[in-house]
Amino acid sequence: KLDNSIGGRMAEINTYSEEIRQMRDAAGFTTQIFEENFPGKYGDVSDFLLNVSGQESLYGTMNNRLYDDGTPISITEFQIDPIRFKDMLDRSQTGDAYKRIEMINETFTNLGYQDFDIRNIARVVENQSIDPITGEKNTNYRYSDINKQYLDDPYITTALARHIIANTEELIPSDLAGQATYWKTYWNTEEGS
């Protein structure tokens, strides 16, 4: 039931304002730790991160799409699906991606998360099936073993999103129109939302 009263609308506006503030702070923090550890390499993408979280989940306020069994279709304010998360895990074994993971893990361990590893935000389970009509083999990916403590921290989820975005060679444009195109090309799909 919607509360269209002035008090109800003000409460909704305050909720969005708080969510936006949290995401803006998390985006600024993430940009700062990337710049401190990789000077000049990744740039300030705070606005882009904030805009993506706004577009994908209304700053985390609409982050509850689930399968019938209660498994999330995607996680975080950035709507990271299991295939993207699995790709991140696969890419984070070596090179710059590994260095970023180590930096993120060290940062959050130093902030008090004991034995922190951002790769443990969730597990991805791969299921194989055969289409009964076509006989084609299908692979489905689902989340399991979700770490709610990590998932509820916008600083962690924003660092995860920034790490994933850093796997793309093209730099994020500074103008809004360029960011929208970048988002649609590299974060979302042409067919997606």
N, C-alpha and C. Protein backbone atom coordinates (compact mmCIF):
# COMPACT_ATOMS: atom_id res chain seq x y z
N LYS A 1 0.84 -1.17 0.00
CA LYS A 1 0.00 0.00 0.00
C LYS A 1 0.89 1.24 0.00
N LEU A 2 0.61 2.15 -0.90
CA LEU A 2 1.37 3.39 -0.98
C LEU A 2 0.83 4.42 0.00
N ASP A 3 1.73 5.13 0.62
CA ASP A 3 1.35 6.21 1.52
C ASP A 3 1.58 7.52 0.77
N ASN A 4 0.50 8.11 0.24
CA ASN A 4 0.61 9.33 -0.54
C ASN A 4 0.49 10.59 0.31
N SER A 5 0.45 10.45 1.62
CA SER A 5 0.37 11.62 2.48
C SER A 5 1.68 12.39 2.41
N ILE A 6 1.65 13.63 2.85
CA ILE A 6 2.87 14.44 2.86
C ILE A 6 3.93 13.77 3.73
N GLY A 7 3.55 13.28 4.90
CA GLY A 7 4.49 12.59 5.78
C GLY A 7 5.08 11.35 5.13
N GLY A 8 4.24 10.59 4.43
CA GLY A 8 4.69 9.39 3.74
C GLY A 8 5.67 9.71 2.62
N ARG A 9 5.37 10.74 1.84
CA ARG A 9 6.25 11.16 0.76
C ARG A 9 7.58 11.69 1.30
N MET A 10 7.51 12.43 2.41
CA MET A 10 8.74 12.96 3.01
C MET A 10 9.62 11.82 3.53
N ALA A 11 9.00 10.81 4.12
CA ALA A 11 9.76 9.65 4.60
C ALA A 11 10.44 8.95 3.42
N GLU A 12 9.73 8.82 2.30
CA GLU A 12 10.30 8.21 1.10
C GLU A 12 11.46 9.04 0.57
N ILE A 13 11.29 10.34 0.52
CA ILE A 13 12.36 11.23 0.05
C ILE A 13 13.57 11.13 0.97
N ASN A 14 13.34 11.09 2.28
CA ASN A 14 14.45 10.96 3.22
C ASN A 14 15.19 9.65 3.04
N THR A 15 14.44 8.56 2.78
CA THR A 15 15.07 7.26 2.52
C THR A 15 15.97 7.34 1.30
N TYR A 16 15.45 7.90 0.20
CA TYR A 16 16.26 8.03 -1.01
C TYR A 16 17.46 8.93 -0.77
N SER A 17 17.26 10.04 -0.04
CA SER A 17 18.36 10.96 0.24
C SER A 17 19.47 10.25 1.02
N GLU A 18 19.10 9.45 2.00
CA GLU A 18 20.08 8.72 2.80
C GLU A 18 20.80 7.68 1.94
N GLU A 19 20.07 6.97 1.11
CA GLU A 19 20.68 5.97 0.24
C GLU A 19 21.64 6.63 -0.75
N ILE A 20 21.25 7.75 -1.31
CA ILE A 20 22.11 8.48 -2.24
C ILE A 20 23.37 8.95 -1.51
N ARG A 21 23.22 9.49 -0.31
CA ARG A 21 24.37 9.93 0.46
C ARG A 21 25.34 8.78 0.73
N GLN A 22 24.80 7.64 1.15
CA GLN A 22 25.64 6.48 1.43
C GLN A 22 26.40 6.03 0.17
N MET A 23 25.68 5.97 -0.95
CA MET A 23 26.32 5.53 -2.18
C MET A 23 27.35 6.56 -2.66
N ARG A 24 27.07 7.84 -2.51
CA ARG A 24 28.02 8.88 -2.90
C ARG A 24 29.29 8.77 -2.04
N ASP A 25 29.11 8.57 -0.73
CA ASP A 25 30.26 8.41 0.16
C ASP A 25 31.06 7.16 -0.20
N ALA A 26 30.37 6.06 -0.48
CA ALA A 26 31.05 4.81 -0.84
C ALA A 26 31.81 4.96 -2.16
N ALA A 27 31.20 5.67 -3.12
CA ALA A 27 31.87 5.89 -4.41
C ALA A 27 33.12 6.75 -4.23
N GLY A 28 33.03 7.78 -3.39
CA GLY A 28 34.19 8.62 -3.12
C GLY A 28 35.30 7.85 -2.43
N PHE A 29 34.93 7.02 -1.45
CA PHE A 29 35.90 6.19 -0.74
C PHE A 29 36.59 5.23 -1.71
N THR A 30 35.80 4.60 -2.58
CA THR A 30 36.35 3.64 -3.53
C THR A 30 37.32 4.31 -4.48
N THR A 31 36.94 5.47 -5.00
CA THR A 31 37.84 6.21 -5.88
C THR A 31 39.13 6.54 -5.14
N GLN A 32 39.02 6.94 -3.88
CA GLN A 32 40.19 7.30 -3.08
C GLN A 32 41.13 6.12 -2.91
N ILE A 33 40.61 4.94 -2.55
CA ILE A 33 41.52 3.80 -2.31
C ILE A 33 42.15 3.32 -3.61
N PHE A 34 41.42 3.42 -4.72
CA PHE A 34 42.01 3.04 -6.00
C PHE A 34 43.11 4.03 -6.39
N GLU A 35 42.87 5.32 -6.17
CA GLU A 35 43.87 6.34 -6.53
C GLU A 35 45.10 6.24 -5.63
N GLU A 36 44.90 5.99 -4.34
CA GLU A 36 46.04 5.87 -3.42
C GLU A 36 46.92 4.67 -3.77
N ASN A 37 46.31 3.60 -4.21
CA ASN A 37 47.06 2.37 -4.49
C ASN A 37 47.51 2.23 -5.93
N PHE A 38 46.82 2.91 -6.85
CA PHE A 38 47.17 2.85 -8.28
C PHE A 38 47.10 4.27 -8.85
N PRO A 39 48.02 5.15 -8.42
CA PRO A 39 47.94 6.58 -8.79
C PRO A 39 47.83 6.80 -10.30
N GLY A 40 46.79 7.56 -10.68
CA GLY A 40 46.60 7.95 -12.07
C GLY A 40 46.09 6.88 -13.01
N LYS A 41 45.90 5.67 -12.51
CA LYS A 41 45.55 4.56 -13.41
C LYS A 41 44.05 4.44 -13.68
N TYR A 42 43.22 4.66 -12.68
CA TYR A 42 41.79 4.38 -12.84
C TYR A 42 40.90 5.62 -12.83
N GLY A 43 41.36 6.73 -12.33
CA GLY A 43 40.60 7.97 -12.38
C GLY A 43 39.44 8.02 -11.40
N ASP A 44 38.87 9.21 -11.31
CA ASP A 44 37.74 9.45 -10.42
C ASP A 44 36.45 9.12 -11.17
N VAL A 45 35.82 8.04 -10.77
CA VAL A 45 34.56 7.63 -11.40
C VAL A 45 33.43 7.61 -10.39
N SER A 46 33.55 8.45 -9.37
CA SER A 46 32.53 8.51 -8.32
C SER A 46 31.15 8.77 -8.88
N ASP A 47 31.04 9.75 -9.78
CA ASP A 47 29.73 10.07 -10.36
C ASP A 47 29.18 8.88 -11.14
N PHE A 48 30.04 8.22 -11.89
CA PHE A 48 29.60 7.06 -12.67
C PHE A 48 29.08 5.96 -11.75
N LEU A 49 29.81 5.65 -10.69
CA LEU A 49 29.38 4.61 -9.75
C LEU A 49 28.04 4.97 -9.12
N LEU A 50 27.89 6.23 -8.72
CA LEU A 50 26.63 6.68 -8.14
C LEU A 50 25.49 6.55 -9.16
N ASN A 51 25.75 6.96 -10.39
CA ASN A 51 24.72 6.89 -11.42
C ASN A 51 24.33 5.45 -11.75
N VAL A 52 25.31 4.54 -11.78
CA VAL A 52 25.00 3.13 -12.06
C VAL A 52 24.13 2.55 -10.94
N SER A 53 24.48 2.84 -9.70
CA SER A 53 23.67 2.32 -8.59
C SER A 53 22.26 2.91 -8.63
N GLY A 54 22.15 4.15 -9.06
CA GLY A 54 20.83 4.76 -9.20
C GLY A 54 20.02 4.10 -10.31
N GLN A 55 20.65 3.86 -11.44
CA GLN A 55 19.95 3.25 -12.57
C GLN A 55 19.61 1.79 -12.31
N GLU A 56 20.54 1.05 -11.73
CA GLU A 56 20.34 -0.39 -11.55
C GLU A 56 19.37 -0.73 -10.41
N SER A 57 19.39 0.05 -9.32
CA SER A 57 18.59 -0.37 -8.15
C SER A 57 18.01 0.79 -7.35
N LEU A 58 17.95 1.96 -7.95
CA LEU A 58 17.48 3.15 -7.24
C LEU A 58 18.27 3.29 -5.92
N TYR A 59 19.61 3.25 -6.07
CA TYR A 59 20.56 3.41 -4.96
C TYR A 59 20.42 2.34 -3.88
N GLY A 60 20.05 1.15 -4.31
CA GLY A 60 19.93 0.03 -3.37
C GLY A 60 18.56 -0.13 -2.75
N THR A 61 17.61 0.76 -3.07
CA THR A 61 16.28 0.66 -2.48
C THR A 61 15.41 -0.38 -3.19
N MET A 62 15.80 -0.77 -4.38
CA MET A 62 15.03 -1.77 -5.14
C MET A 62 15.97 -2.89 -5.55
N ASN A 63 16.46 -3.59 -4.59
CA ASN A 63 17.51 -4.59 -4.80
C ASN A 63 17.05 -5.96 -4.35
N ASN A 64 15.85 -6.37 -4.78
CA ASN A 64 15.31 -7.60 -4.21
C ASN A 64 14.68 -8.54 -5.24
N ARG A 65 15.20 -8.56 -6.45
CA ARG A 65 14.67 -9.49 -7.44
C ARG A 65 15.18 -10.90 -7.13
N LEU A 66 14.23 -11.84 -6.99
CA LEU A 66 14.58 -13.20 -6.58
C LEU A 66 13.97 -14.23 -7.52
N TYR A 67 14.63 -15.38 -7.61
CA TYR A 67 14.02 -16.54 -8.25
C TYR A 67 12.95 -17.10 -7.31
N ASP A 68 12.14 -18.02 -7.81
CA ASP A 68 11.08 -18.62 -6.99
C ASP A 68 11.61 -19.28 -5.72
N ASP A 69 12.84 -19.81 -5.78
CA ASP A 69 13.41 -20.48 -4.60
C ASP A 69 14.05 -19.51 -3.61
N GLY A 70 13.95 -18.20 -3.87
CA GLY A 70 14.50 -17.20 -2.97
C GLY A 70 15.93 -16.80 -3.27
N THR A 71 16.55 -17.41 -4.26
CA THR A 71 17.91 -17.07 -4.66
C THR A 71 17.89 -15.75 -5.41
N PRO A 72 18.80 -14.83 -5.07
CA PRO A 72 18.80 -13.55 -5.79
C PRO A 72 19.23 -13.71 -7.25
N ILE A 73 18.56 -12.99 -8.12
CA ILE A 73 18.91 -12.97 -9.54
C ILE A 73 20.23 -12.24 -9.73
N SER A 74 20.41 -11.18 -8.96
CA SER A 74 21.66 -10.42 -8.98
C SER A 74 21.89 -9.87 -7.57
N ILE A 75 23.11 -9.40 -7.33
CA ILE A 75 23.44 -8.89 -5.99
C ILE A 75 24.00 -7.47 -6.09
N THR A 76 23.94 -6.78 -5.02
CA THR A 76 24.44 -5.43 -4.78
C THR A 76 23.58 -4.37 -5.45
N GLU A 77 23.87 -3.13 -5.09
CA GLU A 77 23.19 -1.99 -5.68
C GLU A 77 23.49 -1.88 -7.17
N PHE A 78 24.49 -2.60 -7.64
CA PHE A 78 24.94 -2.54 -9.03
C PHE A 78 24.39 -3.70 -9.86
N GLN A 79 23.55 -4.54 -9.24
CA GLN A 79 22.89 -5.65 -9.93
C GLN A 79 23.90 -6.55 -10.65
N ILE A 80 24.85 -7.09 -9.90
CA ILE A 80 25.87 -7.97 -10.45
C ILE A 80 25.28 -9.38 -10.54
N ASP A 81 25.15 -9.88 -11.76
CA ASP A 81 24.57 -11.21 -11.93
C ASP A 81 25.65 -12.28 -11.74
N PRO A 82 25.25 -13.55 -11.57
CA PRO A 82 26.23 -14.60 -11.30
C PRO A 82 27.28 -14.78 -12.40
N ILE A 83 26.91 -14.56 -13.65
CA ILE A 83 27.88 -14.72 -14.74
C ILE A 83 28.96 -13.64 -14.62
N ARG A 84 28.57 -12.41 -14.35
CA ARG A 84 29.55 -11.32 -14.20
C ARG A 84 30.43 -11.58 -12.98
N PHE A 85 29.84 -12.08 -11.89
CA PHE A 85 30.62 -12.37 -10.69
C PHE A 85 31.61 -13.49 -10.96
N LYS A 86 31.18 -14.54 -11.64
CA LYS A 86 32.07 -15.65 -12.00
C LYS A 86 33.20 -15.16 -12.89
N ASP A 87 32.88 -14.30 -13.86
CA ASP A 87 33.90 -13.72 -14.73
C ASP A 87 34.92 -12.94 -13.91
N MET A 88 34.43 -12.18 -12.91
CA MET A 88 35.33 -11.43 -12.04
C MET A 88 36.27 -12.38 -11.30
N LEU A 89 35.71 -13.47 -10.78
CA LEU A 89 36.54 -14.44 -10.06
C LEU A 89 37.61 -15.03 -10.99
N ASP A 90 37.21 -15.39 -12.21
CA ASP A 90 38.14 -15.98 -13.17
C ASP A 90 39.25 -14.99 -13.54
N ARG A 91 38.89 -13.72 -13.74
CA ARG A 91 39.87 -12.70 -14.15
C ARG A 91 40.79 -12.27 -13.01
N SER A 92 40.40 -12.52 -11.78
CA SER A 92 41.13 -12.00 -10.62
C SER A 92 42.24 -12.93 -10.14
N GLN A 93 42.66 -13.85 -10.96
CA GLN A 93 43.71 -14.79 -10.57
C GLN A 93 45.11 -14.22 -10.72
N THR A 94 45.28 -13.29 -11.67
CA THR A 94 46.62 -12.78 -11.99
C THR A 94 46.56 -11.30 -12.37
N GLY A 95 47.73 -10.72 -12.55
CA GLY A 95 47.86 -9.37 -13.11
C GLY A 95 47.23 -8.27 -12.28
N ASP A 96 46.79 -7.22 -12.98
CA ASP A 96 46.22 -6.06 -12.31
C ASP A 96 44.96 -6.41 -11.53
N ALA A 97 44.16 -7.32 -12.06
CA ALA A 97 42.92 -7.71 -11.36
C ALA A 97 43.26 -8.35 -10.01
N TYR A 98 44.27 -9.17 -9.98
CA TYR A 98 44.70 -9.79 -8.72
C TYR A 98 45.21 -8.72 -7.75
N LYS A 99 45.96 -7.77 -8.25
CA LYS A 99 46.48 -6.69 -7.40
C LYS A 99 45.33 -5.86 -6.82
N ARG A 100 44.31 -5.61 -7.62
CA ARG A 100 43.15 -4.85 -7.12
C ARG A 100 42.43 -5.63 -6.02
N ILE A 101 42.25 -6.93 -6.23
CA ILE A 101 41.60 -7.78 -5.21
C ILE A 101 42.39 -7.74 -3.91
N GLU A 102 43.69 -7.87 -4.01
CA GLU A 102 44.54 -7.85 -2.82
C GLU A 102 44.44 -6.50 -2.11
N MET A 103 44.39 -5.41 -2.88
CA MET A 103 44.27 -4.07 -2.29
C MET A 103 42.93 -3.93 -1.58
N ILE A 104 41.86 -4.37 -2.21
CA ILE A 104 40.54 -4.29 -1.59
C ILE A 104 40.50 -5.12 -0.31
N ASN A 105 41.02 -6.33 -0.38
CA ASN A 105 41.02 -7.20 0.80
C ASN A 105 41.82 -6.59 1.94
N GLU A 106 42.98 -6.05 1.64
CA GLU A 106 43.79 -5.43 2.68
C GLU A 106 43.08 -4.21 3.27
N THR A 107 42.46 -3.41 2.43
CA THR A 107 41.75 -2.21 2.90
C THR A 107 40.66 -2.58 3.90
N PHE A 108 39.82 -3.56 3.54
CA PHE A 108 38.71 -3.90 4.42
C PHE A 108 39.15 -4.71 5.64
N THR A 109 40.23 -5.46 5.53
CA THR A 109 40.80 -6.11 6.71
C THR A 109 41.27 -5.05 7.69
N ASN A 110 41.94 -4.01 7.17
CA ASN A 110 42.41 -2.92 8.02
C ASN A 110 41.27 -2.12 8.63
N LEU A 111 40.10 -2.16 8.02
CA LEU A 111 38.93 -1.47 8.56
C LEU A 111 38.16 -2.33 9.56
N GLY A 112 38.65 -3.54 9.83
CA GLY A 112 38.05 -4.35 10.87
C GLY A 112 37.31 -5.60 10.42
N TYR A 113 37.25 -5.85 9.13
CA TYR A 113 36.64 -7.10 8.65
C TYR A 113 37.69 -8.20 8.75
N GLN A 114 37.52 -9.09 9.71
CA GLN A 114 38.50 -10.14 9.95
C GLN A 114 38.53 -11.13 8.78
N ASP A 115 39.73 -11.45 8.31
CA ASP A 115 39.93 -12.41 7.21
C ASP A 115 39.10 -12.04 5.98
N PHE A 116 39.03 -10.76 5.67
CA PHE A 116 38.20 -10.29 4.57
C PHE A 116 38.72 -10.78 3.23
N ASP A 117 37.81 -11.24 2.38
CA ASP A 117 38.11 -11.56 0.98
C ASP A 117 36.86 -11.27 0.17
N ILE A 118 36.94 -10.26 -0.67
CA ILE A 118 35.77 -9.83 -1.42
C ILE A 118 35.26 -10.92 -2.35
N ARG A 119 36.12 -11.86 -2.69
CA ARG A 119 35.68 -12.98 -3.54
C ARG A 119 34.70 -13.87 -2.81
N ASN A 120 34.61 -13.73 -1.48
CA ASN A 120 33.69 -14.54 -0.68
C ASN A 120 32.35 -13.85 -0.42
N ILE A 121 32.03 -12.84 -1.20
CA ILE A 121 30.73 -12.19 -1.05
C ILE A 121 29.61 -13.18 -1.41
N ALA A 122 29.93 -14.12 -2.28
CA ALA A 122 28.98 -15.17 -2.66
C ALA A 122 29.72 -16.26 -3.42
N ARG A 123 29.07 -17.38 -3.57
CA ARG A 123 29.55 -18.45 -4.45
C ARG A 123 28.63 -18.51 -5.64
N VAL A 124 29.17 -18.94 -6.77
CA VAL A 124 28.36 -19.14 -7.97
C VAL A 124 28.32 -20.63 -8.26
N VAL A 125 27.11 -21.15 -8.38
CA VAL A 125 26.91 -22.56 -8.67
C VAL A 125 26.49 -22.69 -10.14
N GLU A 126 27.12 -23.62 -10.83
CA GLU A 126 26.83 -23.86 -12.23
C GLU A 126 26.00 -25.13 -12.35
N ASN A 127 24.86 -25.03 -13.01
CA ASN A 127 23.97 -26.17 -13.22
C ASN A 127 23.81 -26.44 -14.70
N GLN A 128 23.92 -27.70 -15.07
CA GLN A 128 23.74 -28.12 -16.47
C GLN A 128 22.37 -28.76 -16.63
N SER A 129 21.72 -28.48 -17.74
CA SER A 129 20.44 -29.12 -18.03
C SER A 129 20.32 -29.33 -19.53
N ILE A 130 19.43 -30.21 -19.90
CA ILE A 130 19.16 -30.49 -21.32
C ILE A 130 17.74 -30.04 -21.61
N ASP A 131 17.59 -29.21 -22.63
CA ASP A 131 16.25 -28.77 -23.03
C ASP A 131 15.48 -29.98 -23.56
N PRO A 132 14.31 -30.30 -22.98
CA PRO A 132 13.59 -31.50 -23.38
C PRO A 132 13.06 -31.45 -24.81
N ILE A 133 12.91 -30.28 -25.36
CA ILE A 133 12.39 -30.16 -26.73
C ILE A 133 13.50 -30.14 -27.75
N THR A 134 14.50 -29.30 -27.55
CA THR A 134 15.57 -29.15 -28.53
C THR A 134 16.74 -30.08 -28.29
N GLY A 135 16.87 -30.58 -27.08
CA GLY A 135 18.01 -31.41 -26.72
C GLY A 135 19.29 -30.63 -26.50
N GLU A 136 19.20 -29.29 -26.55
CA GLU A 136 20.38 -28.46 -26.34
C GLU A 136 20.78 -28.45 -24.87
N LYS A 137 22.09 -28.40 -24.67
CA LYS A 137 22.63 -28.31 -23.32
C LYS A 137 22.59 -26.85 -22.87
N ASN A 138 22.08 -26.61 -21.68
CA ASN A 138 22.00 -25.27 -21.11
C ASN A 138 22.81 -25.21 -19.83
N THR A 139 23.46 -24.10 -19.61
CA THR A 139 24.17 -23.86 -18.37
C THR A 139 23.51 -22.69 -17.67
N ASN A 140 23.15 -22.89 -16.42
CA ASN A 140 22.56 -21.84 -15.61
C ASN A 140 23.48 -21.57 -14.44
N TYR A 141 23.57 -20.30 -14.08
CA TYR A 141 24.41 -19.89 -12.96
C TYR A 141 23.51 -19.25 -11.90
N ARG A 142 23.74 -19.65 -10.65
CA ARG A 142 22.97 -19.10 -9.53
C ARG A 142 23.91 -18.81 -8.38
N TYR A 143 23.49 -17.85 -7.56
CA TYR A 143 24.25 -17.55 -6.36
C TYR A 143 23.92 -18.54 -5.25
N SER A 144 24.90 -18.77 -4.39
CA SER A 144 24.68 -19.51 -3.14
C SER A 144 25.66 -18.96 -2.12
N ASP A 145 25.49 -19.35 -0.87
CA ASP A 145 26.40 -18.96 0.21
C ASP A 145 26.71 -17.46 0.20
N ILE A 146 25.68 -16.66 0.21
CA ILE A 146 25.84 -15.21 0.15
C ILE A 146 26.22 -14.67 1.53
N ASN A 147 27.25 -13.85 1.57
CA ASN A 147 27.71 -13.24 2.81
C ASN A 147 26.94 -11.93 3.00
N LYS A 148 25.90 -11.98 3.81
CA LYS A 148 25.01 -10.84 4.01
C LYS A 148 25.75 -9.65 4.61
N GLN A 149 26.71 -9.89 5.49
CA GLN A 149 27.46 -8.80 6.10
C GLN A 149 28.17 -7.99 5.01
N TYR A 150 28.83 -8.66 4.09
CA TYR A 150 29.51 -7.96 3.00
C TYR A 150 28.50 -7.27 2.09
N LEU A 151 27.43 -7.98 1.78
CA LEU A 151 26.44 -7.49 0.83
C LEU A 151 25.71 -6.25 1.35
N ASP A 152 25.60 -6.12 2.65
CA ASP A 152 24.90 -4.97 3.24
C ASP A 152 25.78 -3.74 3.41
N ASP A 153 27.05 -3.83 3.05
CA ASP A 153 27.96 -2.71 3.21
C ASP A 153 28.19 -2.04 1.85
N PRO A 154 27.66 -0.83 1.64
CA PRO A 154 27.80 -0.18 0.34
C PRO A 154 29.26 0.12 -0.03
N TYR A 155 30.13 0.23 0.96
CA TYR A 155 31.54 0.46 0.66
C TYR A 155 32.14 -0.79 0.01
N ILE A 156 31.79 -1.95 0.51
CA ILE A 156 32.27 -3.21 -0.07
C ILE A 156 31.68 -3.42 -1.46
N THR A 157 30.38 -3.23 -1.58
CA THR A 157 29.74 -3.50 -2.88
C THR A 157 30.21 -2.52 -3.95
N THR A 158 30.49 -1.28 -3.55
CA THR A 158 30.99 -0.30 -4.51
C THR A 158 32.42 -0.63 -4.93
N ALA A 159 33.23 -1.08 -3.98
CA ALA A 159 34.60 -1.50 -4.32
C ALA A 159 34.56 -2.70 -5.28
N LEU A 160 33.63 -3.62 -5.06
CA LEU A 160 33.47 -4.76 -5.97
C LEU A 160 33.10 -4.28 -7.37
N ALA A 161 32.13 -3.39 -7.46
CA ALA A 161 31.71 -2.87 -8.77
C ALA A 161 32.87 -2.16 -9.46
N ARG A 162 33.61 -1.34 -8.71
CA ARG A 162 34.75 -0.62 -9.31
C ARG A 162 35.80 -1.59 -9.81
N HIS A 163 36.04 -2.65 -9.05
CA HIS A 163 37.00 -3.67 -9.48
C HIS A 163 36.54 -4.30 -10.79
N ILE A 164 35.29 -4.64 -10.89
CA ILE A 164 34.77 -5.27 -12.11
C ILE A 164 34.88 -4.30 -13.28
N ILE A 165 34.50 -3.05 -13.07
CA ILE A 165 34.57 -2.05 -14.14
C ILE A 165 36.01 -1.86 -14.61
N ALA A 166 36.96 -1.96 -13.69
CA ALA A 166 38.38 -1.76 -14.05
C ALA A 166 38.89 -2.83 -15.01
N ASN A 167 38.17 -3.94 -15.17
CA ASN A 167 38.56 -4.95 -16.13
C ASN A 167 38.35 -4.50 -17.57
N THR A 168 37.59 -3.44 -17.76
CA THR A 168 37.34 -2.90 -19.10
C THR A 168 38.45 -1.91 -19.44
N GLU A 169 39.04 -2.08 -20.61
CA GLU A 169 40.16 -1.23 -21.01
C GLU A 169 39.75 0.22 -21.25
N GLU A 170 38.57 0.44 -21.81
CA GLU A 170 38.14 1.80 -22.15
C GLU A 170 37.87 2.61 -20.89
N LEU A 171 38.35 3.84 -20.89
CA LEU A 171 38.13 4.72 -19.75
C LEU A 171 36.68 5.21 -19.72
N ILE A 172 36.20 5.47 -18.53
CA ILE A 172 34.84 5.94 -18.34
C ILE A 172 34.80 7.43 -18.67
N PRO A 173 33.91 7.85 -19.56
CA PRO A 173 33.82 9.27 -19.91
C PRO A 173 33.40 10.11 -18.71
N SER A 174 33.74 11.40 -18.74
CA SER A 174 33.38 12.29 -17.64
C SER A 174 32.00 12.92 -17.85
N ASP A 175 31.51 12.96 -19.09
CA ASP A 175 30.20 13.57 -19.34
C ASP A 175 29.08 12.53 -19.19
N LEU A 176 27.91 12.99 -18.82
CA LEU A 176 26.78 12.11 -18.52
C LEU A 176 26.35 11.27 -19.72
N ALA A 177 26.29 11.89 -20.90
CA ALA A 177 25.88 11.14 -22.11
C ALA A 177 26.89 10.04 -22.42
N GLY A 178 28.18 10.35 -22.27
CA GLY A 178 29.21 9.34 -22.50
C GLY A 178 29.14 8.22 -21.47
N GLN A 179 28.85 8.58 -20.22
CA GLN A 179 28.71 7.57 -19.18
C GLN A 179 27.52 6.67 -19.46
N ALA A 180 26.43 7.24 -19.94
CA ALA A 180 25.24 6.43 -20.25
C ALA A 180 25.57 5.41 -21.35
N THR A 181 26.29 5.84 -22.36
CA THR A 181 26.69 4.93 -23.44
C THR A 181 27.63 3.85 -22.91
N TYR A 182 28.59 4.26 -22.10
CA TYR A 182 29.52 3.31 -21.49
C TYR A 182 28.77 2.28 -20.66
N TRP A 183 27.86 2.76 -19.81
CA TRP A 183 27.06 1.87 -18.96
C TRP A 183 26.33 0.85 -19.82
N LYS A 184 25.66 1.30 -20.87
CA LYS A 184 24.87 0.40 -21.71
C LYS A 184 25.76 -0.56 -22.48
N THR A 185 26.96 -0.14 -22.83
CA THR A 185 27.87 -0.99 -23.61
C THR A 185 28.62 -1.99 -22.73
N TYR A 186 29.13 -1.53 -21.58
CA TYR A 186 30.02 -2.37 -20.79
C TYR A 186 29.41 -2.93 -19.51
N TRP A 187 28.42 -2.27 -18.94
CA TRP A 187 27.86 -2.77 -17.69
C TRP A 187 26.57 -3.51 -17.94
N ASN A 188 25.71 -2.94 -18.71
CA ASN A 188 24.43 -3.53 -19.02
C ASN A 188 24.52 -4.03 -20.46
N THR A 189 23.42 -4.49 -21.01
CA THR A 189 23.43 -4.92 -22.40
C THR A 189 22.42 -4.08 -23.18
N GLU A 190 22.53 -4.11 -24.48
CA GLU A 190 21.57 -3.39 -25.32
C GLU A 190 20.15 -3.93 -25.09
N GLU A 191 20.03 -5.21 -24.75
CA GLU A 191 18.72 -5.81 -24.53
C GLU A 191 18.22 -5.60 -23.10
N GLY A 192 19.14 -5.23 -22.20
CA GLY A 192 18.80 -5.13 -20.78
C GLY A 192 18.00 -3.90 -20.44
N SER A 193 17.86 -3.66 -19.13
CA SER A 193 17.00 -2.56 -18.67
C SER A 193 17.53 -1.20 -18.96
